Amino acid sequence: MLTLSQDQALWFSAGFLGQALFGARFLLQWLYSEAHGRSVVPAAFWYLSTIGGAILLGYAIHRGEMVFIAGEATTLVIFLRNLQLLPRRGDDR
């Protein structure tokens, strides 16, 4: 049986939360696209990506996993850039 300290349980919870938010973006995008009858990426997709990615980056830094840190840091820059581009879009796609 796996026994976790309070600190470990907190970090695992953070990691699972980040992963859940990150995964939820695909469900959101699918449901949004189904509602519109075409493939659409809503603004909330990028917010979930950014929040989930930031939490996962924090988790990766805590774990000291360089491959995971590099991947999350790179994608986080892309997600933040997409958030910057949203106001230019003028619609909710």
Protein backbone atom coordinates (compact mmCIF):
# COMPACT_ATOMS: atom_id res chain seq x y z
CA MET A 1 0.00 0.00 0.00
CA LEU A 2 1.30 3.44 -0.93
CA THR A 3 1.62 5.82 1.99
CA LEU A 4 2.04 9.51 1.25
CA SER A 5 3.14 12.34 3.47
CA GLN A 6 0.91 15.41 3.59
CA ASP A 7 3.38 17.25 1.33
CA GLN A 8 3.42 14.41 -1.21
CA ALA A 9 -0.38 14.19 -1.20
CA LEU A 10 -0.62 17.93 -1.84
CA TRP A 11 1.77 17.74 -4.79
CA PHE A 12 0.06 14.68 -6.25
CA SER A 13 -3.28 16.46 -5.91
CA ALA A 14 -1.84 19.49 -7.71
CA GLY A 15 -0.47 17.27 -10.46
CA PHE A 16 -3.80 15.50 -10.93
CA LEU A 17 -5.66 18.83 -10.91
CA GLY A 18 -3.35 20.20 -13.58
CA GLN A 19 -3.79 17.07 -15.67
CA ALA A 20 -7.59 17.18 -15.24
CA LEU A 21 -7.78 20.83 -16.34
CA PHE A 22 -5.45 20.16 -19.24
CA GLY A 23 -7.50 17.15 -20.34
CA ALA A 24 -10.81 18.97 -19.90
CA ARG A 25 -9.85 21.37 -22.68
CA PHE A 26 -10.31 18.61 -25.25
CA LEU A 27 -13.75 17.72 -23.92
CA LEU A 28 -14.69 21.41 -23.98
CA GLN A 29 -13.46 21.85 -27.55
CA TRP A 30 -15.30 18.75 -28.74
CA LEU A 31 -18.60 19.77 -27.12
CA TYR A 32 -18.24 23.35 -28.37
CA SER A 33 -17.56 22.11 -31.90
CA GLU A 34 -20.52 19.74 -31.79
CA ALA A 35 -22.76 22.63 -30.71
CA HIS A 36 -21.53 24.74 -33.64
CA GLY A 37 -21.55 21.93 -36.21
CA ARG A 38 -17.92 22.55 -37.15
CA SER A 39 -14.48 22.38 -35.58
CA VAL A 40 -14.07 25.44 -33.36
CA VAL A 41 -11.53 26.28 -30.64
CA PRO A 42 -13.20 28.41 -27.96
CA ALA A 43 -11.27 30.95 -25.89
CA ALA A 44 -11.80 28.77 -22.80
CA PHE A 45 -9.62 26.11 -24.46
CA TRP A 46 -6.60 28.40 -24.15
CA TYR A 47 -7.44 29.36 -20.56
CA LEU A 48 -7.68 25.70 -19.54
CA SER A 49 -4.45 24.98 -21.44
CA THR A 50 -2.63 27.80 -19.66
CA ILE A 51 -3.91 27.08 -16.16
CA GLY A 52 -3.44 23.31 -16.48
CA GLY A 53 -0.04 23.77 -18.10
CA ALA A 54 1.14 26.17 -15.39
CA ILE A 55 0.10 23.76 -12.64
CA LEU A 56 1.82 20.88 -14.43
CA LEU A 57 4.95 23.00 -14.88
CA GLY A 58 4.99 23.70 -11.15
CA TYR A 59 4.59 19.99 -10.48
CA ALA A 60 7.41 19.14 -12.90
CA ILE A 61 9.70 21.73 -11.27
CA HIS A 62 8.91 20.30 -7.85
CA ARG A 63 9.75 16.81 -9.12
CA GLY A 64 12.91 18.06 -10.85
CA GLU A 65 12.04 16.30 -14.11
CA MET A 66 13.90 18.23 -16.80
CA VAL A 67 12.18 16.62 -19.80
CA PHE A 68 8.76 17.38 -18.33
CA ILE A 69 9.88 20.94 -17.39
CA ALA A 70 11.15 21.64 -20.92
CA GLY A 71 7.95 20.35 -22.52
CA GLU A 72 5.58 22.20 -20.18
CA ALA A 73 7.56 25.46 -20.32
CA THR A 74 7.59 25.41 -24.13
CA THR A 75 3.88 24.74 -24.48
CA LEU A 76 3.06 27.32 -21.79
CA VAL A 77 4.72 30.02 -23.93
CA ILE A 78 2.52 28.97 -26.86
CA PHE A 79 -0.63 29.00 -24.73
CA LEU A 80 0.18 32.46 -23.37
CA ARG A 81 0.74 33.75 -26.89
CA ASN A 82 -2.64 32.39 -27.96
CA LEU A 83 -4.24 34.23 -25.03
CA GLN A 84 -2.58 37.43 -26.28
CA LEU A 85 -4.03 36.84 -29.74
CA LEU A 86 -7.62 36.30 -28.53
CA PRO A 87 -8.66 39.98 -28.43
CA ARG A 88 -7.61 40.34 -32.08
CA ARG A 89 -9.99 37.57 -33.10
CA GLY A 90 -13.12 39.55 -32.32
CA ASP A 91 -15.33 36.48 -31.95
CA ASP A 92 -15.58 33.43 -29.71
CA ARG A 93 -14.02 30.75 -31.93
